[in-house]
Amino acid sequence: MVKLLMSWDILPSKERGFLDFLTQEFTPTIQTLGIQPTDAWLTVYGNGPQVLAGGVMDDMEAMSSVLESPEWQQLERKLLEYVTNYSRKVVLSEGGFQL
C-alpha cells in the first residue's frame, strides 16, 4: 500500500469556508477517487503545519493515476483557495501516523 501525505495551513478568514469544503467536497471526492482517508490532524499549539492529512491506496500506479486525473487537479486547485503552505508526497504505507 502507498500513502498520500498532505499538509497545509488554513488561510486566515477562510476557516468556515474551508470546513464546509473539507466536509462537503474534499473528503467525499477523495473517497470517490479511491483514496481511503486514514489520518487528519490539526495543530492547535506550536510550530509546524496547521493540518496534516493522509490517505491510502493499494499501489503507486493507482495513486499516480488519481493524482494525474482532472478530478484531482480540480480538487487540489479548489483546496488552494483555502490554504497556504500546501505540500503533498506519496510514501510506502507503514501503518499509523507518518510524516
N, C-alpha and C. Protein backbone atom coordinates (compact mmCIF):
# COMPACT_ATOMS: atom_id res chain seq x y z
N MET A 1 0.84 -1.18 0.00
CA MET A 1 0.00 0.00 0.00
C MET A 1 0.88 1.24 0.00
N VAL A 2 0.33 2.32 -0.57
CA VAL A 2 1.01 3.60 -0.55
C VAL A 2 0.12 4.62 0.14
N LYS A 3 0.76 5.66 0.67
CA LYS A 3 0.03 6.65 1.44
C LYS A 3 0.32 8.05 0.90
N LEU A 4 -0.72 8.80 0.70
CA LEU A 4 -0.63 10.20 0.32
C LEU A 4 -0.59 11.01 1.60
N LEU A 5 0.48 11.78 1.79
CA LEU A 5 0.63 12.65 2.95
C LEU A 5 0.49 14.09 2.49
N MET A 6 -0.37 14.84 3.14
CA MET A 6 -0.60 16.24 2.78
C MET A 6 -0.49 17.10 4.02
N SER A 7 -0.05 18.33 3.82
CA SER A 7 -0.04 19.30 4.92
C SER A 7 -0.34 20.68 4.37
N TRP A 8 -0.90 21.54 5.23
CA TRP A 8 -1.21 22.90 4.83
C TRP A 8 -1.57 23.74 6.05
N ASP A 9 -1.65 25.04 5.82
CA ASP A 9 -2.15 26.00 6.80
C ASP A 9 -3.41 26.62 6.20
N ILE A 10 -4.43 26.78 7.01
CA ILE A 10 -5.67 27.39 6.55
C ILE A 10 -5.49 28.90 6.50
N LEU A 11 -5.88 29.51 5.39
CA LEU A 11 -5.76 30.96 5.25
C LEU A 11 -6.65 31.67 6.28
N PRO A 12 -6.13 32.71 6.91
CA PRO A 12 -6.95 33.49 7.86
C PRO A 12 -8.22 33.98 7.17
N SER A 13 -9.29 33.96 7.88
CA SER A 13 -10.63 34.38 7.43
C SER A 13 -11.27 33.39 6.45
N LYS A 14 -10.61 32.27 6.15
CA LYS A 14 -11.18 31.27 5.24
C LYS A 14 -11.59 30.00 6.01
N GLU A 15 -11.51 30.02 7.33
CA GLU A 15 -11.73 28.82 8.13
C GLU A 15 -13.10 28.20 7.89
N ARG A 16 -14.15 29.02 7.94
CA ARG A 16 -15.52 28.48 7.79
C ARG A 16 -15.71 27.88 6.40
N GLY A 17 -15.29 28.59 5.37
CA GLY A 17 -15.41 28.07 4.02
C GLY A 17 -14.59 26.80 3.83
N PHE A 18 -13.41 26.77 4.46
CA PHE A 18 -12.56 25.59 4.38
C PHE A 18 -13.25 24.38 5.00
N LEU A 19 -13.83 24.54 6.17
CA LEU A 19 -14.50 23.42 6.83
C LEU A 19 -15.66 22.89 6.00
N ASP A 20 -16.42 23.80 5.39
CA ASP A 20 -17.50 23.37 4.50
C ASP A 20 -16.95 22.60 3.31
N PHE A 21 -15.90 23.14 2.69
CA PHE A 21 -15.27 22.47 1.55
C PHE A 21 -14.73 21.11 1.95
N LEU A 22 -14.08 21.04 3.09
CA LEU A 22 -13.48 19.78 3.55
C LEU A 22 -14.53 18.70 3.74
N THR A 23 -15.62 19.03 4.38
CA THR A 23 -16.63 18.02 4.69
C THR A 23 -17.58 17.72 3.53
N GLN A 24 -17.87 18.73 2.72
CA GLN A 24 -18.86 18.54 1.66
C GLN A 24 -18.27 18.17 0.31
N GLU A 25 -16.99 18.49 0.10
CA GLU A 25 -16.41 18.24 -1.22
C GLU A 25 -15.10 17.45 -1.17
N PHE A 26 -14.13 17.92 -0.40
CA PHE A 26 -12.80 17.31 -0.42
C PHE A 26 -12.83 15.84 0.01
N THR A 27 -13.34 15.58 1.19
CA THR A 27 -13.33 14.20 1.70
C THR A 27 -14.17 13.26 0.83
N PRO A 28 -15.42 13.62 0.49
CA PRO A 28 -16.18 12.72 -0.38
C PRO A 28 -15.51 12.48 -1.74
N THR A 29 -14.87 13.50 -2.30
CA THR A 29 -14.25 13.34 -3.61
C THR A 29 -13.03 12.43 -3.54
N ILE A 30 -12.17 12.60 -2.52
CA ILE A 30 -11.01 11.70 -2.48
C ILE A 30 -11.46 10.25 -2.29
N GLN A 31 -12.55 10.06 -1.55
CA GLN A 31 -13.07 8.70 -1.38
C GLN A 31 -13.60 8.17 -2.71
N THR A 32 -14.30 8.99 -3.45
CA THR A 32 -14.80 8.58 -4.77
C THR A 32 -13.65 8.23 -5.71
N LEU A 33 -12.54 8.96 -5.58
CA LEU A 33 -11.37 8.69 -6.42
C LEU A 33 -10.62 7.43 -5.98
N GLY A 34 -10.97 6.88 -4.83
CA GLY A 34 -10.35 5.64 -4.38
C GLY A 34 -9.32 5.79 -3.28
N ILE A 35 -9.12 7.01 -2.79
CA ILE A 35 -8.20 7.23 -1.67
C ILE A 35 -8.98 7.05 -0.37
N GLN A 36 -8.50 6.15 0.48
CA GLN A 36 -9.15 5.90 1.76
C GLN A 36 -8.50 6.78 2.83
N PRO A 37 -9.22 7.78 3.36
CA PRO A 37 -8.63 8.63 4.40
C PRO A 37 -8.21 7.80 5.62
N THR A 38 -7.04 8.14 6.17
CA THR A 38 -6.53 7.41 7.34
C THR A 38 -6.20 8.33 8.50
N ASP A 39 -5.79 9.55 8.21
CA ASP A 39 -5.34 10.47 9.26
C ASP A 39 -5.84 11.88 8.97
N ALA A 40 -6.09 12.60 10.03
CA ALA A 40 -6.35 14.05 9.92
C ALA A 40 -5.98 14.64 11.28
N TRP A 41 -5.00 15.53 11.26
CA TRP A 41 -4.50 16.12 12.50
C TRP A 41 -4.53 17.63 12.37
N LEU A 42 -4.97 18.29 13.43
CA LEU A 42 -5.00 19.74 13.48
C LEU A 42 -4.04 20.19 14.58
N THR A 43 -3.08 21.03 14.23
CA THR A 43 -2.15 21.57 15.20
C THR A 43 -2.79 22.78 15.86
N VAL A 44 -2.95 22.73 17.16
CA VAL A 44 -3.55 23.86 17.88
C VAL A 44 -2.53 24.66 18.66
N TYR A 45 -1.31 24.12 18.81
CA TYR A 45 -0.28 24.83 19.53
C TYR A 45 1.08 24.42 19.00
N GLY A 46 1.96 25.40 18.81
CA GLY A 46 3.32 25.11 18.38
C GLY A 46 3.53 25.37 16.90
N ASN A 47 4.74 25.05 16.47
CA ASN A 47 5.14 25.27 15.09
C ASN A 47 4.81 24.05 14.23
N GLY A 48 4.78 24.27 12.94
CA GLY A 48 4.52 23.18 12.01
C GLY A 48 3.26 23.44 11.25
N PRO A 49 2.95 22.57 10.30
CA PRO A 49 1.73 22.73 9.51
C PRO A 49 0.49 22.69 10.42
N GLN A 50 -0.50 23.49 10.07
CA GLN A 50 -1.73 23.52 10.84
C GLN A 50 -2.53 22.23 10.66
N VAL A 51 -2.50 21.67 9.45
CA VAL A 51 -3.25 20.45 9.16
C VAL A 51 -2.32 19.42 8.53
N LEU A 52 -2.41 18.19 9.01
CA LEU A 52 -1.73 17.04 8.42
C LEU A 52 -2.82 16.03 8.09
N ALA A 53 -2.80 15.49 6.88
CA ALA A 53 -3.82 14.54 6.46
C ALA A 53 -3.18 13.43 5.63
N GLY A 54 -3.79 12.25 5.68
CA GLY A 54 -3.26 11.14 4.91
C GLY A 54 -4.37 10.24 4.41
N GLY A 55 -4.05 9.50 3.35
CA GLY A 55 -4.97 8.53 2.78
C GLY A 55 -4.19 7.49 2.01
N VAL A 56 -4.74 6.28 1.94
CA VAL A 56 -4.03 5.17 1.31
C VAL A 56 -4.74 4.64 0.07
N MET A 57 -3.92 4.00 -0.77
CA MET A 57 -4.41 3.24 -1.93
C MET A 57 -3.55 1.99 -2.03
N ASP A 58 -3.98 1.05 -2.85
CA ASP A 58 -3.30 -0.24 -2.95
C ASP A 58 -1.89 -0.16 -3.50
N ASP A 59 -1.65 0.69 -4.50
CA ASP A 59 -0.32 0.70 -5.11
C ASP A 59 -0.02 2.06 -5.74
N MET A 60 1.26 2.24 -6.07
CA MET A 60 1.74 3.51 -6.62
C MET A 60 1.09 3.83 -7.96
N GLU A 61 0.86 2.83 -8.78
CA GLU A 61 0.25 3.06 -10.09
C GLU A 61 -1.15 3.66 -9.93
N ALA A 62 -1.93 3.11 -9.01
CA ALA A 62 -3.28 3.63 -8.78
C ALA A 62 -3.23 5.05 -8.23
N MET A 63 -2.32 5.30 -7.28
CA MET A 63 -2.20 6.63 -6.69
C MET A 63 -1.75 7.63 -7.74
N SER A 64 -0.77 7.28 -8.55
CA SER A 64 -0.30 8.18 -9.60
C SER A 64 -1.42 8.52 -10.58
N SER A 65 -2.21 7.53 -10.93
CA SER A 65 -3.32 7.73 -11.84
C SER A 65 -4.32 8.74 -11.26
N VAL A 66 -4.62 8.61 -9.97
CA VAL A 66 -5.54 9.55 -9.33
C VAL A 66 -4.95 10.95 -9.30
N LEU A 67 -3.67 11.06 -8.89
CA LEU A 67 -3.06 12.38 -8.75
C LEU A 67 -2.85 13.08 -10.09
N GLU A 68 -2.89 12.36 -11.18
CA GLU A 68 -2.77 12.95 -12.51
C GLU A 68 -4.14 13.21 -13.15
N SER A 69 -5.20 12.79 -12.50
CA SER A 69 -6.54 12.92 -13.08
C SER A 69 -7.06 14.36 -13.02
N PRO A 70 -7.90 14.73 -13.98
CA PRO A 70 -8.51 16.06 -13.97
C PRO A 70 -9.32 16.31 -12.69
N GLU A 71 -9.95 15.27 -12.16
CA GLU A 71 -10.76 15.43 -10.95
C GLU A 71 -9.89 15.83 -9.76
N TRP A 72 -8.72 15.17 -9.61
CA TRP A 72 -7.82 15.52 -8.52
C TRP A 72 -7.27 16.92 -8.73
N GLN A 73 -6.86 17.23 -9.93
CA GLN A 73 -6.28 18.54 -10.19
C GLN A 73 -7.27 19.66 -9.89
N GLN A 74 -8.53 19.44 -10.22
CA GLN A 74 -9.57 20.43 -9.92
C GLN A 74 -9.76 20.55 -8.41
N LEU A 75 -9.78 19.42 -7.71
CA LEU A 75 -9.95 19.41 -6.26
C LEU A 75 -8.78 20.12 -5.59
N GLU A 76 -7.57 19.87 -6.06
CA GLU A 76 -6.38 20.49 -5.49
C GLU A 76 -6.40 22.01 -5.72
N ARG A 77 -6.83 22.44 -6.90
CA ARG A 77 -6.94 23.89 -7.17
C ARG A 77 -7.94 24.54 -6.21
N LYS A 78 -9.04 23.86 -5.97
CA LYS A 78 -10.04 24.41 -5.05
C LYS A 78 -9.50 24.45 -3.63
N LEU A 79 -8.77 23.41 -3.22
CA LEU A 79 -8.14 23.40 -1.89
C LEU A 79 -7.24 24.62 -1.73
N LEU A 80 -6.50 24.96 -2.77
CA LEU A 80 -5.55 26.07 -2.71
C LEU A 80 -6.23 27.43 -2.56
N GLU A 81 -7.55 27.49 -2.76
CA GLU A 81 -8.29 28.72 -2.49
C GLU A 81 -8.43 28.97 -0.99
N TYR A 82 -8.26 27.92 -0.19
CA TYR A 82 -8.47 27.99 1.25
C TYR A 82 -7.20 27.85 2.08
N VAL A 83 -6.11 27.41 1.46
CA VAL A 83 -4.91 27.09 2.24
C VAL A 83 -3.65 27.71 1.65
N THR A 84 -2.61 27.69 2.46
CA THR A 84 -1.28 28.10 2.03
C THR A 84 -0.28 27.06 2.56
N ASN A 85 0.94 27.13 2.08
CA ASN A 85 1.99 26.19 2.51
C ASN A 85 1.58 24.73 2.27
N TYR A 86 0.89 24.50 1.18
CA TYR A 86 0.42 23.15 0.84
C TYR A 86 1.57 22.30 0.33
N SER A 87 1.61 21.08 0.80
CA SER A 87 2.55 20.11 0.24
C SER A 87 1.92 18.73 0.27
N ARG A 88 2.40 17.89 -0.64
CA ARG A 88 1.95 16.51 -0.67
C ARG A 88 3.09 15.63 -1.14
N LYS A 89 3.07 14.39 -0.66
CA LYS A 89 4.03 13.39 -1.13
C LYS A 89 3.39 12.02 -0.95
N VAL A 90 3.89 11.08 -1.72
CA VAL A 90 3.41 9.70 -1.63
C VAL A 90 4.56 8.84 -1.12
N VAL A 91 4.26 8.03 -0.11
CA VAL A 91 5.26 7.16 0.51
C VAL A 91 4.67 5.77 0.66
N LEU A 92 5.53 4.79 0.91
CA LEU A 92 5.04 3.46 1.25
C LEU A 92 4.33 3.54 2.59
N SER A 93 3.17 2.93 2.68
CA SER A 93 2.40 2.98 3.92
C SER A 93 3.02 2.06 4.95
N GLU A 94 3.30 2.63 6.12
CA GLU A 94 3.87 1.84 7.21
C GLU A 94 2.84 1.61 8.31
N GLY A 95 1.62 2.06 8.09
CA GLY A 95 0.59 1.94 9.12
C GLY A 95 0.77 3.05 10.15
N GLY A 96 -0.31 3.50 10.72
CA GLY A 96 -0.23 4.56 11.71
C GLY A 96 0.13 5.90 11.10
N PHE A 97 0.42 6.85 11.97
CA PHE A 97 0.73 8.21 11.55
C PHE A 97 2.13 8.27 10.96
N GLN A 98 2.26 8.95 9.83
CA GLN A 98 3.56 9.13 9.17
C GLN A 98 3.76 10.58 8.81
N LEU A 99 5.02 11.01 8.74
CA LEU A 99 5.37 12.37 8.30
C LEU A 99 6.07 12.30 6.97
